[in-house]
Amino acid sequence: MKLSTNIQKKAISFYSYGLNKEKYKKIEELAKQIQVYQNFISEIYYNNYFQKQKITCSKFITEMKIYRNKDFSSSFFQQICKQVYERYEKKKPPK
């Protein structure tokens, strides 16, 4: 017995909705984790380096690796560190 095309489309639509919902949740969790890392690394950079000493970007990233969760992508983490470094490196310390 063949299912009608309309029923097949609805079944596929429902299935893809479930998949998209799962992907959305994973992306949302990743975005939250990235935001937490950005805030955390910004605080470390600001407190330890921004006002006190100069540090190269590569050395900063190397020092921050101890804070990376092993389940979190290394390349994402390095990119976050680089963004934080570049954001503060362009500014002058507050008076």
Protein backbone atom coordinates (compact mmCIF):
# COMPACT_ATOMS: atom_id res chain seq x y z
CA MET A 1 0.00 0.00 0.00
CA LYS A 2 1.38 3.39 -1.00
CA LEU A 3 1.00 6.46 1.15
CA SER A 4 -0.41 9.48 -0.54
CA THR A 5 2.06 12.18 -1.50
CA ASN A 6 0.42 14.61 0.91
CA ILE A 7 0.90 12.27 3.88
CA GLN A 8 4.53 11.63 2.86
CA LYS A 9 5.20 15.38 2.72
CA LYS A 10 3.69 15.86 6.17
CA ALA A 11 5.77 13.01 7.59
CA ILE A 12 8.96 14.43 6.08
CA SER A 13 8.07 17.93 7.28
CA PHE A 14 7.46 16.68 10.83
CA TYR A 15 10.73 14.71 10.79
CA SER A 16 12.75 17.66 9.49
CA TYR A 17 11.12 19.94 12.07
CA GLY A 18 12.42 17.64 14.80
CA LEU A 19 15.90 17.60 13.30
CA ASN A 20 15.94 21.38 12.92
CA LYS A 21 14.77 21.79 16.50
CA GLU A 22 17.68 19.62 17.71
CA LYS A 23 20.16 21.56 15.58
CA TYR A 24 18.76 24.83 16.89
CA LYS A 25 19.20 23.68 20.48
CA LYS A 26 22.81 22.63 19.80
CA ILE A 27 23.57 25.95 18.13
CA GLU A 28 21.92 27.84 20.99
CA GLU A 29 24.00 25.90 23.55
CA LEU A 30 27.17 26.59 21.57
CA ALA A 31 26.34 30.31 21.37
CA LYS A 32 25.80 30.45 25.15
CA GLN A 33 29.10 28.66 25.75
CA ILE A 34 30.92 31.06 23.42
CA GLN A 35 29.44 34.04 25.28
CA VAL A 36 30.53 32.61 28.63
CA TYR A 37 34.07 32.07 27.31
CA GLN A 38 34.19 35.60 25.85
CA ASN A 39 33.15 37.15 29.15
CA PHE A 40 35.53 34.98 31.16
CA ILE A 41 38.53 35.57 28.89
CA SER A 42 37.77 39.30 28.68
CA GLU A 43 37.82 39.51 32.46
CA ILE A 44 41.13 37.65 32.66
CA TYR A 45 42.70 39.78 29.93
CA TYR A 46 41.45 43.00 31.43
CA ASN A 47 42.59 42.15 34.95
CA ASN A 48 45.95 40.59 34.08
CA TYR A 49 47.25 42.28 30.95
CA PHE A 50 45.28 45.29 29.79
CA GLN A 51 46.61 47.74 32.35
CA LYS A 52 49.81 46.04 33.47
CA GLN A 53 51.88 44.54 30.72
CA LYS A 54 52.09 43.82 27.01
CA ILE A 55 51.63 40.28 25.79
CA THR A 56 51.58 38.87 22.28
CA CYS A 57 48.42 37.34 20.91
CA SER A 58 49.95 33.89 20.50
CA LYS A 59 51.27 33.90 24.08
CA PHE A 60 47.90 35.03 25.38
CA ILE A 61 46.13 32.21 23.52
CA THR A 62 48.66 29.71 24.85
CA GLU A 63 48.11 30.88 28.42
CA MET A 64 44.33 30.73 28.05
CA LYS A 65 44.35 27.09 26.91
CA ILE A 66 44.27 25.94 30.53
CA TYR A 67 40.72 27.36 30.76
CA ARG A 68 39.38 25.51 27.69
CA ASN A 69 36.90 22.72 28.28
CA LYS A 70 38.22 19.69 26.38
CA ASP A 71 34.76 19.20 24.80
CA PHE A 72 34.94 22.68 23.27
CA SER A 73 36.63 23.05 19.88
CA SER A 74 40.21 24.26 20.09
CA SER A 75 39.88 26.38 16.96
CA PHE A 76 36.75 28.11 18.31
CA PHE A 77 38.50 28.77 21.58
CA GLN A 78 41.55 30.23 19.85
CA GLN A 79 39.30 32.48 17.77
CA ILE A 80 37.53 33.74 20.90
CA CYS A 81 40.88 34.49 22.56
CA LYS A 82 42.08 36.30 19.45
CA GLN A 83 38.92 38.44 19.32
CA VAL A 84 39.25 39.38 22.98
CA TYR A 85 42.93 40.20 22.51
CA GLU A 86 42.30 42.39 19.47
CA ARG A 87 39.39 44.18 21.16
CA TYR A 88 41.47 45.25 24.16
CA GLU A 89 44.77 45.71 22.36
CA LYS A 90 43.29 48.54 20.26
CA LYS A 91 42.02 50.44 23.31
CA LYS A 92 43.95 52.50 25.78
CA PRO A 93 43.68 51.68 29.49
CA PRO A 94 41.07 53.71 31.37
CA LYS A 95 42.37 56.43 33.67
